[in-house]
């Protein structure tokens, strides 16, 4: 068996560091060096890189999690975080799609899993509109899936397109179904995301779609990000985990949202 490349080993170690810091609330350089059997110098380099990517925050002698609602972690970290849960959500979401539909896949680590699940099905015809570069690449090799990318400005932090160009293109379209990923969701406030331009585009996605399906893991409940996309009532369906807080789930149901728990 071929050994993983050094780059992959570094990325995996840094992902585990982020998860450890988030789980414990803090971690020291010495603790991390001992855990991963590497030098403190290498750990400090990891922590500096993770801090530049807004995945954690450096503290004296170690690192702490980013304050809630402030982090916009790189796509590689978002995709690895709670990946098994996102795969289940992605497969459940893909089952809602019918042959011949036009759907919108918002950019995000959970919607990437929807794209991967769609690749596993046979289609006579399916049109996917997306602002996510990775989603477009995932579906580009499937002849029966027509992929339409929105224009606009490239957000390097999320590998997505947003801004007036994307909104102009989207305003001329109509979709059967939108699959919307979010950074936070709180009943009474709504669904939120970190970037104002992304929120504006997401709101327009909702307006041009007949059905709106929210897709998010249980960790998004109770989180509030900078920009509100829409109230909870904008969602027709929400797909999340069975372990999600029962009070939040009931609040969505009381708002008329059909819940799918996986």
Protein backbone atom coordinates (compact mmCIF):
# COMPACT_ATOMS: atom_id res chain seq x y z
CA UNK A 1 0.00 0.00 0.00
CA UNK A 2 1.30 3.45 -0.93
CA UNK A 3 2.12 5.69 2.02
CA UNK A 4 0.25 8.99 2.30
CA UNK A 5 2.15 12.03 1.07
CA UNK A 6 3.75 14.30 3.68
CA UNK A 7 1.27 17.04 2.73
CA UNK A 8 -1.67 14.80 3.56
CA UNK A 9 -0.06 13.86 6.86
CA UNK A 10 0.33 17.53 7.76
CA UNK A 11 -3.28 18.33 6.80
CA UNK A 12 -4.59 15.36 8.78
CA UNK A 13 -2.56 16.35 11.86
CA UNK A 14 -3.80 19.93 11.66
CA UNK A 15 -7.39 18.77 11.31
CA UNK A 16 -6.98 16.65 14.44
CA UNK A 17 -5.44 19.62 16.27
CA UNK A 18 -8.49 21.74 15.44
CA UNK A 19 -10.85 19.01 16.66
CA UNK A 20 -8.86 18.57 19.88
CA UNK A 21 -8.81 22.30 20.64
CA UNK A 22 -12.55 22.58 19.98
CA UNK A 23 -13.34 19.55 22.14
CA UNK A 24 -11.13 20.49 25.13
CA UNK A 25 -11.47 24.25 24.94
CA UNK A 26 -7.70 24.74 24.77
CA UNK A 27 -4.47 22.82 24.14
CA UNK A 28 -0.83 23.58 24.95
CA UNK A 29 2.15 23.25 22.64
CA UNK A 30 3.72 20.65 24.95
CA UNK A 31 0.52 18.60 25.07
CA UNK A 32 0.17 18.61 21.29
CA UNK A 33 3.84 17.79 20.71
CA UNK A 34 3.56 14.77 23.00
CA UNK A 35 0.31 13.61 21.45
CA UNK A 36 1.59 13.73 17.86
CA UNK A 37 5.21 12.76 18.66
CA UNK A 38 6.67 15.80 16.93
CA UNK A 39 8.74 18.77 18.06
CA UNK A 40 7.25 21.86 19.72
CA UNK A 41 8.69 23.88 16.83
CA UNK A 42 6.56 21.92 14.34
CA UNK A 43 3.47 22.30 16.53
CA UNK A 44 4.01 26.06 16.74
CA UNK A 45 4.21 26.13 12.95
CA UNK A 46 0.92 24.20 12.77
CA UNK A 47 -0.76 26.58 15.19
CA UNK A 48 0.42 29.62 13.26
CA UNK A 49 -0.91 28.17 10.01
CA UNK A 50 -4.26 27.30 11.61
CA UNK A 51 -4.52 30.77 13.10
CA UNK A 52 -3.91 32.38 9.70
CA UNK A 53 -6.75 30.26 8.31
CA UNK A 54 -9.04 31.28 11.22
CA UNK A 55 -9.46 27.66 12.31
CA UNK A 56 -8.22 28.36 15.89
CA UNK A 57 -6.85 31.27 17.91
CA UNK A 58 -3.32 31.35 19.30
CA UNK A 59 -2.96 31.85 23.04
CA UNK A 60 0.05 32.01 25.35
CA UNK A 61 1.67 28.57 25.19
CA UNK A 62 -0.99 26.99 22.97
CA UNK A 63 -4.32 27.59 21.25
CA UNK A 64 -8.02 28.07 21.98
CA UNK A 65 -11.12 27.80 19.74
CA UNK A 66 -12.23 30.75 17.65
CA UNK A 67 -15.08 32.67 19.34
CA UNK A 68 -18.53 31.46 18.18
CA UNK A 69 -19.72 33.07 14.98
CA UNK A 70 -16.33 34.51 13.99
CA UNK A 71 -14.51 31.63 12.31
CA UNK A 72 -14.75 31.01 8.58
CA UNK A 73 -12.51 27.96 8.36
CA UNK A 74 -10.96 26.82 5.07
CA UNK A 75 -12.95 24.32 2.96
CA UNK A 76 -10.56 21.45 3.73
CA UNK A 77 -11.27 21.76 7.47
CA UNK A 78 -15.01 22.23 7.02
CA UNK A 79 -15.20 19.17 4.79
CA UNK A 80 -13.30 16.96 7.25
CA UNK A 81 -15.23 18.17 10.31
CA UNK A 82 -18.17 15.83 11.13
CA UNK A 83 -17.77 14.23 7.70
CA UNK A 84 -19.71 11.03 8.46
CA UNK A 85 -22.71 13.06 9.59
CA UNK A 86 -22.53 15.24 6.48
CA UNK A 87 -22.45 12.16 4.25
CA UNK A 88 -25.66 10.85 5.83
CA UNK A 89 -27.32 14.22 5.36
CA UNK A 90 -26.07 14.38 1.78
CA UNK A 91 -27.50 10.97 0.89
CA UNK A 92 -30.86 11.83 2.46
CA UNK A 93 -30.98 15.11 0.55
CA UNK A 94 -30.12 13.48 -2.78
CA UNK A 95 -33.10 11.13 -2.39
CA UNK A 96 -35.43 14.14 -2.60
CA UNK A 97 -34.21 15.05 -6.09
CA UNK A 98 -36.35 13.88 -9.01
CA UNK A 99 -35.28 13.23 -12.58
CA UNK A 100 -35.69 16.28 -14.82
CA UNK A 101 -35.46 18.84 -12.01
CA UNK A 102 -33.42 21.99 -11.84
CA UNK A 103 -31.82 22.28 -8.42
CA UNK A 104 -29.53 24.79 -6.73
CA UNK A 105 -26.67 23.54 -4.58
CA UNK A 106 -25.32 26.27 -2.35
CA UNK A 107 -21.56 26.07 -1.75
CA UNK A 108 -20.52 24.23 1.39
CA UNK A 109 -19.10 21.04 2.86
CA UNK A 110 -22.53 19.44 3.35
CA UNK A 111 -23.77 20.30 -0.14
CA UNK A 112 -20.59 18.76 -1.59
CA UNK A 113 -21.81 15.48 -0.07
CA UNK A 114 -25.13 15.95 -1.87
CA UNK A 115 -23.24 16.33 -5.15
CA UNK A 116 -21.29 13.14 -4.45
CA UNK A 117 -24.51 11.28 -3.70
CA UNK A 118 -26.08 12.56 -6.93
CA UNK A 119 -23.16 11.12 -8.89
CA UNK A 120 -24.11 7.64 -7.69
CA UNK A 121 -27.58 7.76 -9.27
CA UNK A 122 -28.63 7.36 -12.90
CA UNK A 123 -30.28 10.38 -14.47
CA UNK A 124 -32.00 11.00 -17.76
CA UNK A 125 -31.59 14.71 -17.16
CA UNK A 126 -30.72 16.90 -14.19
CA UNK A 127 -29.66 20.53 -14.07
CA UNK A 128 -27.57 21.72 -11.14
CA UNK A 129 -26.97 25.43 -10.55
CA UNK A 130 -24.20 26.18 -8.07
CA UNK A 131 -21.81 28.85 -6.82
CA UNK A 132 -19.43 26.21 -5.44
CA UNK A 133 -16.29 25.37 -7.43
CA UNK A 134 -15.86 21.97 -5.79
CA UNK A 135 -19.49 21.04 -6.44
CA UNK A 136 -19.12 21.89 -10.14
CA UNK A 137 -15.97 19.76 -10.34
CA UNK A 138 -17.67 16.82 -8.61
CA UNK A 139 -20.50 16.80 -11.17
CA UNK A 140 -18.62 17.84 -14.30
CA UNK A 141 -17.84 14.26 -15.37
CA UNK A 142 -21.49 13.10 -15.33
CA UNK A 143 -22.89 13.52 -18.89
CA UNK A 144 -26.55 13.43 -17.79
CA UNK A 145 -26.08 16.25 -15.27
CA UNK A 146 -25.96 19.74 -16.73
CA UNK A 147 -23.95 22.05 -14.47
CA UNK A 148 -24.43 25.81 -14.49
CA UNK A 149 -22.04 27.94 -12.46
CA UNK A 150 -22.94 31.41 -11.29
CA UNK A 151 -20.49 34.20 -12.04
CA UNK A 152 -19.26 36.75 -9.55
CA UNK A 153 -16.29 37.25 -7.26
CA UNK A 154 -14.33 34.25 -6.03
CA UNK A 155 -14.19 33.88 -2.25
CA UNK A 156 -10.90 32.06 -1.65
CA UNK A 157 -11.91 31.20 1.92
CA UNK A 158 -14.82 29.05 0.70
CA UNK A 159 -14.01 28.35 -2.99
CA UNK A 160 -17.35 29.91 -3.87
CA UNK A 161 -18.67 32.72 -6.07
CA UNK A 162 -20.75 35.62 -4.78
CA UNK A 163 -21.40 39.30 -5.40
CA UNK A 164 -23.42 41.29 -7.98
CA UNK A 165 -22.35 39.11 -10.94
CA UNK A 166 -23.62 35.94 -9.29
CA UNK A 167 -26.85 37.63 -8.23
CA UNK A 168 -27.49 39.01 -11.73
CA UNK A 169 -27.19 35.54 -13.27
CA UNK A 170 -29.29 33.92 -10.57
CA UNK A 171 -32.08 36.50 -10.83
CA UNK A 172 -32.84 35.24 -14.35
CA UNK A 173 -33.26 31.61 -13.28
CA UNK A 174 -35.92 29.46 -11.66
CA UNK A 175 -35.32 26.25 -9.70
CA UNK A 176 -37.42 23.40 -8.40
CA UNK A 177 -35.40 22.93 -5.25
CA UNK A 178 -32.66 24.68 -3.30
CA UNK A 179 -30.33 22.84 -0.94
CA UNK A 180 -29.05 25.44 1.49
CA UNK A 181 -26.11 24.99 3.84
CA UNK A 182 -25.80 27.37 6.80
CA UNK A 183 -23.24 28.33 9.45
CA UNK A 184 -25.81 28.84 12.18
CA UNK A 185 -29.50 28.44 12.93
CA UNK A 186 -31.51 29.88 15.82
CA UNK A 187 -35.32 29.88 15.96
CA UNK A 188 -36.57 33.46 16.21
CA UNK A 189 -33.49 34.79 14.41
CA UNK A 190 -33.18 32.55 11.38
CA UNK A 191 -30.47 30.87 9.35
CA UNK A 192 -27.15 32.71 9.21
CA UNK A 193 -23.77 32.72 7.49
CA UNK A 194 -20.44 34.46 8.01
CA UNK A 195 -20.26 36.51 4.83
CA UNK A 196 -22.73 39.31 3.92
CA UNK A 197 -22.32 38.73 0.17
CA UNK A 198 -22.96 35.03 0.63
CA UNK A 199 -26.07 35.82 2.69
CA UNK A 200 -27.40 38.13 -0.03
CA UNK A 201 -26.89 35.45 -2.69
CA UNK A 202 -28.46 32.78 -0.46
CA UNK A 203 -31.53 34.96 0.08
CA UNK A 204 -31.93 35.29 -3.69
CA UNK A 205 -31.53 31.52 -4.08
CA UNK A 206 -34.51 31.14 -1.75
CA UNK A 207 -36.60 33.58 -3.77
CA UNK A 208 -36.03 31.81 -7.12
CA UNK A 209 -36.71 28.29 -5.75
CA UNK A 210 -40.06 26.53 -5.33
CA UNK A 211 -38.83 24.41 -2.41
CA UNK A 212 -36.06 25.17 0.10
CA UNK A 213 -34.24 22.35 1.90
CA UNK A 214 -31.89 23.30 4.73
CA UNK A 215 -29.01 20.85 5.22
CA UNK A 216 -26.88 21.16 8.36
CA UNK A 217 -25.39 18.98 11.09
CA UNK A 218 -26.48 19.28 14.71
CA UNK A 219 -23.57 21.55 15.66
CA UNK A 220 -25.16 24.43 13.71
CA UNK A 221 -28.11 24.70 16.12
CA UNK A 222 -27.68 27.59 18.52
CA UNK A 223 -24.85 29.12 16.48
CA UNK A 224 -25.29 32.67 15.21
CA UNK A 225 -23.10 34.12 12.46
CA UNK A 226 -22.76 37.69 11.23
CA UNK A 227 -25.36 37.76 8.44
CA UNK A 228 -28.96 36.57 8.56
CA UNK A 229 -30.02 34.82 5.34
CA UNK A 230 -33.72 34.35 6.07
CA UNK A 231 -36.17 33.48 8.87
CA UNK A 232 -36.77 29.84 9.75
CA UNK A 233 -40.12 29.94 7.93
CA UNK A 234 -38.24 30.23 4.62
CA UNK A 235 -37.34 26.53 4.95
CA UNK A 236 -39.78 23.90 3.68
CA UNK A 237 -37.64 20.96 4.81
CA UNK A 238 -34.62 20.63 7.10
CA UNK A 239 -32.32 17.60 7.12
CA UNK A 240 -30.13 17.16 10.18
CA UNK A 241 -28.98 14.55 12.69
CA UNK A 242 -31.09 12.44 15.01
CA UNK A 243 -28.99 13.70 17.92
CA UNK A 244 -30.00 17.32 17.29
CA UNK A 245 -31.35 19.19 20.30
CA UNK A 246 -35.03 18.24 20.65
CA UNK A 247 -36.11 21.78 21.56
CA UNK A 248 -34.59 23.21 18.39
CA UNK A 249 -36.14 20.45 16.28
CA UNK A 250 -39.56 21.09 17.80
CA UNK A 251 -39.18 24.85 17.25
CA UNK A 252 -38.59 24.26 13.55
CA UNK A 253 -41.56 21.92 13.34
CA UNK A 254 -43.73 24.52 15.07
CA UNK A 255 -42.64 26.96 12.34
CA UNK A 256 -43.95 24.61 9.67
CA UNK A 257 -40.63 23.04 8.68
CA UNK A 258 -40.73 19.33 7.84
CA UNK A 259 -37.85 17.66 9.68
CA UNK A 260 -35.83 14.74 8.31
CA UNK A 261 -33.53 13.25 10.96
CA UNK A 262 -30.73 10.93 9.88
